[in-house]
Amino acid sequence: MNAQPAGSAASLDAFRYSPRTLRRAGRSLHCSPFRPALFLAMDQGSIPLMSIVGPGGLERGYSLHPLSELGTESYLLWLIQTGVLRREVDGQGITDSFRLTPLGRHLVEKYSHHSKFPQVRPWERFYNAWQRWARLPI
């Protein structure tokens, strides 16, 4: 990750991210099929994959439309790769739950009172899809 601690040792959880990292993570978040409600819930605790999938995710206000399990997991993994999310780990290993990273928290806090993310331009959606497909390094 392109994060560098900012300030003194007292603020270990405060990071400065490069503009490129912030743009890429923000674009992946805004182009996602999810609503801010999902990420606000992830800020409070981990959210299992099956809570996001299908009509349940739509009813909870997590998605814009019902999503398949494969499509949901694929996009969540992209958000992990861009630094927005992390997978929850317990004593048994990796779980099927997700939560925000400090970068994700930084990006999501701006939308705590919004039901949708801002509209993205078509070229941003295309660029995000191309990066996702190519899985270019950060």
C-alpha atoms as a PDB file:
ATOM      1  CA  MET A   1       0.000   0.000   0.000  1.00  0.00           C
ATOM      2  CA  ASN A   2       1.211   3.525  -0.679  1.00  0.00           C
ATOM      3  CA  ALA A   3       0.564   4.706   2.854  1.00  0.00           C
ATOM      4  CA  GLN A   4       3.008   6.553   5.039  1.00  0.00           C
ATOM      5  CA  PRO A   5       2.449   7.436   8.669  1.00  0.00           C
ATOM      6  CA  ALA A   6       1.738  11.115   9.213  1.00  0.00           C
ATOM      7  CA  GLY A   7       2.662  12.965  12.367  1.00  0.00           C
ATOM      8  CA  SER A   8       3.906  11.547  15.630  1.00  0.00           C
ATOM      9  CA  ALA A   9       3.775   8.036  17.039  1.00  0.00           C
ATOM     10  CA  ALA A  10       0.624   9.083  18.925  1.00  0.00           C
ATOM     11  CA  SER A  11      -1.318   9.101  15.650  1.00  0.00           C
ATOM     12  CA  LEU A  12      -0.299   5.687  14.319  1.00  0.00           C
ATOM     13  CA  ASP A  13      -3.689   5.116  12.708  1.00  0.00           C
ATOM     14  CA  ALA A  14      -3.480   8.364  10.703  1.00  0.00           C
ATOM     15  CA  PHE A  15      -2.070   7.779   7.230  1.00  0.00           C
ATOM     16  CA  ARG A  16      -1.293   9.944   4.267  1.00  0.00           C
ATOM     17  CA  TYR A  17      -2.162   8.291   0.993  1.00  0.00           C
ATOM     18  CA  SER A  18      -0.815   9.293  -2.384  1.00  0.00           C
ATOM     19  CA  PRO A  19      -3.258  11.127  -4.667  1.00  0.00           C
ATOM     20  CA  ARG A  20      -3.062   8.166  -7.067  1.00  0.00           C
ATOM     21  CA  THR A  21      -4.077   5.719  -4.326  1.00  0.00           C
ATOM     22  CA  LEU A  22      -6.964   7.949  -3.233  1.00  0.00           C
ATOM     23  CA  ARG A  23      -8.207   8.367  -6.834  1.00  0.00           C
ATOM     24  CA  ARG A  24      -8.059   4.651  -7.582  1.00  0.00           C
ATOM     25  CA  ALA A  25      -9.735   3.605  -4.327  1.00  0.00           C
ATOM     26  CA  GLY A  26     -12.383   6.325  -4.659  1.00  0.00           C
ATOM     27  CA  ARG A  27     -13.114   5.335  -8.249  1.00  0.00           C
ATOM     28  CA  SER A  28     -13.476   1.663  -7.287  1.00  0.00           C
ATOM     29  CA  LEU A  29     -15.863   2.647  -4.495  1.00  0.00           C
ATOM     30  CA  HIS A  30     -17.980   4.991  -6.646  1.00  0.00           C
ATOM     31  CA  CYS A  31     -18.196   2.486  -9.518  1.00  0.00           C
ATOM     32  CA  SER A  32     -19.218  -0.352  -7.217  1.00  0.00           C
ATOM     33  CA  PRO A  33     -22.740  -1.796  -7.251  1.00  0.00           C
ATOM     34  CA  PHE A  34     -23.012  -1.006  -3.536  1.00  0.00           C
ATOM     35  CA  ARG A  35     -24.608   1.834  -1.573  1.00  0.00           C
ATOM     36  CA  PRO A  36     -22.930   3.803   1.227  1.00  0.00           C
ATOM     37  CA  ALA A  37     -25.120   1.916   3.760  1.00  0.00           C
ATOM     38  CA  LEU A  38     -23.018  -1.231   3.223  1.00  0.00           C
ATOM     39  CA  PHE A  39     -19.759   0.544   3.948  1.00  0.00           C
ATOM     40  CA  LEU A  40     -21.202   2.388   6.937  1.00  0.00           C
ATOM     41  CA  ALA A  41     -22.274  -1.008   8.328  1.00  0.00           C
ATOM     42  CA  MET A  42     -18.771  -2.365   7.619  1.00  0.00           C
ATOM     43  CA  ASP A  43     -17.364   0.530   9.613  1.00  0.00           C
ATOM     44  CA  GLN A  44     -19.319  -0.723  12.643  1.00  0.00           C
ATOM     45  CA  GLY A  45     -18.333  -4.388  12.197  1.00  0.00           C
ATOM     46  CA  SER A  46     -17.741  -7.157   9.715  1.00  0.00           C
ATOM     47  CA  ILE A  47     -20.496  -7.993   7.216  1.00  0.00           C
ATOM     48  CA  PRO A  48     -20.868 -11.572   5.885  1.00  0.00           C
ATOM     49  CA  LEU A  49     -20.971 -12.082   2.129  1.00  0.00           C
ATOM     50  CA  MET A  50     -24.415 -13.711   2.249  1.00  0.00           C
ATOM     51  CA  SER A  51     -25.882 -10.560   3.863  1.00  0.00           C
ATOM     52  CA  ILE A  52     -24.971  -8.633   0.715  1.00  0.00           C
ATOM     53  CA  VAL A  53     -26.015 -11.207  -1.905  1.00  0.00           C
ATOM     54  CA  GLY A  54     -29.417 -11.355  -3.599  1.00  0.00           C
ATOM     55  CA  PRO A  55     -32.630  -9.693  -2.476  1.00  0.00           C
ATOM     56  CA  GLY A  56     -31.394  -9.532   1.139  1.00  0.00           C
ATOM     57  CA  GLY A  57     -28.667  -7.081   0.181  1.00  0.00           C
ATOM     58  CA  LEU A  58     -31.189  -4.956  -1.668  1.00  0.00           C
ATOM     59  CA  GLU A  59     -33.609  -4.990   1.296  1.00  0.00           C
ATOM     60  CA  ARG A  60     -30.833  -3.954   3.694  1.00  0.00           C
ATOM     61  CA  GLY A  61     -29.952  -1.063   1.384  1.00  0.00           C
ATOM     62  CA  TYR A  62     -26.511  -2.528   0.632  1.00  0.00           C
ATOM     63  CA  SER A  63     -26.818  -2.757  -3.153  1.00  0.00           C
ATOM     64  CA  LEU A  64     -28.400  -0.950  -6.078  1.00  0.00           C
ATOM     65  CA  HIS A  65     -29.940  -4.211  -7.377  1.00  0.00           C
ATOM     66  CA  PRO A  66     -29.898  -7.907  -6.366  1.00  0.00           C
ATOM     67  CA  LEU A  67     -26.402  -9.315  -6.864  1.00  0.00           C
ATOM     68  CA  SER A  68     -25.167 -12.859  -7.443  1.00  0.00           C
ATOM     69  CA  GLU A  69     -22.770 -14.427  -4.956  1.00  0.00           C
ATOM     70  CA  LEU A  70     -19.980 -14.659  -7.546  1.00  0.00           C
ATOM     71  CA  GLY A  71     -20.426 -11.066  -8.727  1.00  0.00           C
ATOM     72  CA  THR A  72     -20.579  -9.739  -5.179  1.00  0.00           C
ATOM     73  CA  GLU A  73     -17.456 -11.578  -4.084  1.00  0.00           C
ATOM     74  CA  SER A  74     -15.612 -10.510  -7.229  1.00  0.00           C
ATOM     75  CA  TYR A  75     -16.336  -6.845  -6.591  1.00  0.00           C
ATOM     76  CA  LEU A  76     -15.517  -7.119  -2.883  1.00  0.00           C
ATOM     77  CA  LEU A  77     -12.160  -8.673  -3.823  1.00  0.00           C
ATOM     78  CA  TRP A  78     -11.536  -5.717  -6.155  1.00  0.00           C
ATOM     79  CA  LEU A  79     -12.247  -3.352  -3.256  1.00  0.00           C
ATOM     80  CA  ILE A  80      -9.714  -5.334  -1.205  1.00  0.00           C
ATOM     81  CA  GLN A  81      -7.147  -4.950  -3.970  1.00  0.00           C
ATOM     82  CA  THR A  82      -7.717  -1.181  -4.138  1.00  0.00           C
ATOM     83  CA  GLY A  83      -7.315  -0.913  -0.364  1.00  0.00           C
ATOM     84  CA  VAL A  84     -10.901  -0.068   0.612  1.00  0.00           C
ATOM     85  CA  LEU A  85     -11.776  -3.365   2.342  1.00  0.00           C
ATOM     86  CA  ARG A  86     -10.130  -6.244   4.133  1.00  0.00           C
ATOM     87  CA  ARG A  87     -11.331  -9.752   4.770  1.00  0.00           C
ATOM     88  CA  GLU A  88     -12.170 -10.618   8.357  1.00  0.00           C
ATOM     89  CA  VAL A  89      -9.979 -13.235  10.033  1.00  0.00           C
ATOM     90  CA  ASP A  90     -10.857 -15.316  13.077  1.00  0.00           C
ATOM     91  CA  GLY A  91      -9.076 -18.090  14.985  1.00  0.00           C
ATOM     92  CA  GLN A  92      -9.926 -20.577  12.228  1.00  0.00           C
ATOM     93  CA  GLY A  93      -8.532 -18.401   9.417  1.00  0.00           C
ATOM     94  CA  ILE A  94     -10.144 -16.203   6.763  1.00  0.00           C
ATOM     95  CA  THR A  95     -13.928 -15.839   7.021  1.00  0.00           C
ATOM     96  CA  ASP A  96     -16.567 -14.820   4.478  1.00  0.00           C
ATOM     97  CA  SER A  97     -16.941 -11.414   6.169  1.00  0.00           C
ATOM     98  CA  PHE A  98     -15.550  -8.034   5.136  1.00  0.00           C
ATOM     99  CA  ARG A  99     -14.799  -4.733   6.866  1.00  0.00           C
ATOM    100  CA  LEU A 100     -13.314  -1.325   6.044  1.00  0.00           C
ATOM    101  CA  THR A 101      -9.621  -0.510   6.087  1.00  0.00           C
ATOM    102  CA  PRO A 102      -8.406   2.888   7.348  1.00  0.00           C
ATOM    103  CA  LEU A 103      -8.349   4.049   3.703  1.00  0.00           C
ATOM    104  CA  GLY A 104     -11.917   2.805   3.214  1.00  0.00           C
ATOM    105  CA  ARG A 105     -13.032   4.560   6.391  1.00  0.00           C
ATOM    106  CA  HIS A 106     -11.414   7.787   5.160  1.00  0.00           C
ATOM    107  CA  LEU A 107     -13.281   7.582   1.836  1.00  0.00           C
ATOM    108  CA  VAL A 108     -16.650   6.488   3.244  1.00  0.00           C
ATOM    109  CA  GLU A 109     -16.950   9.039   6.048  1.00  0.00           C
ATOM    110  CA  LYS A 110     -17.808  11.730   3.467  1.00  0.00           C
ATOM    111  CA  TYR A 111     -20.956   9.819   2.478  1.00  0.00           C
ATOM    112  CA  SER A 112     -22.404   9.033   5.901  1.00  0.00           C
ATOM    113  CA  HIS A 113     -25.544  11.088   5.125  1.00  0.00           C
ATOM    114  CA  HIS A 114     -26.000  10.007   1.492  1.00  0.00           C
ATOM    115  CA  SER A 115     -27.986   7.096   0.075  1.00  0.00           C
ATOM    116  CA  LYS A 116     -25.861   6.890  -3.090  1.00  0.00           C
ATOM    117  CA  PHE A 117     -22.340   7.684  -4.179  1.00  0.00           C
ATOM    118  CA  PRO A 118     -21.829  10.545  -6.646  1.00  0.00           C
ATOM    119  CA  GLN A 119     -22.477   9.816 -10.303  1.00  0.00           C
ATOM    120  CA  VAL A 120     -19.315   8.732 -12.114  1.00  0.00           C
ATOM    121  CA  ARG A 121     -18.385   9.727 -15.637  1.00  0.00           C
ATOM    122  CA  PRO A 122     -18.514   7.010 -18.314  1.00  0.00           C
ATOM    123  CA  TRP A 123     -14.748   7.159 -18.849  1.00  0.00           C
ATOM    124  CA  GLU A 124     -14.179   6.587 -15.095  1.00  0.00           C
ATOM    125  CA  ARG A 125     -16.443   3.542 -15.172  1.00  0.00           C
ATOM    126  CA  PHE A 126     -14.571   2.244 -18.235  1.00  0.00           C
ATOM    127  CA  TYR A 127     -11.167   2.898 -16.635  1.00  0.00           C
ATOM    128  CA  ASN A 128     -12.233   1.148 -13.426  1.00  0.00           C
ATOM    129  CA  ALA A 129     -13.508  -1.868 -15.400  1.00  0.00           C
ATOM    130  CA  TRP A 130     -10.289  -1.973 -17.413  1.00  0.00           C
ATOM    131  CA  GLN A 131      -8.131  -1.855 -14.264  1.00  0.00           C
ATOM    132  CA  ARG A 132     -10.270  -4.542 -12.656  1.00  0.00           C
ATOM    133  CA  TRP A 133      -9.933  -6.774 -15.674  1.00  0.00           C
ATOM    134  CA  ALA A 134      -6.202  -6.177 -16.047  1.00  0.00           C
ATOM    135  CA  ARG A 135      -5.620  -6.193 -12.250  1.00  0.00           C
ATOM    136  CA  LEU A 136      -2.943  -3.567 -12.600  1.00  0.00           C
ATOM    137  CA  PRO A 137      -0.745  -3.058  -9.539  1.00  0.00           C
ATOM    138  CA  ILE A 138      -1.329  -0.040  -7.335  1.00  0.00           C
END
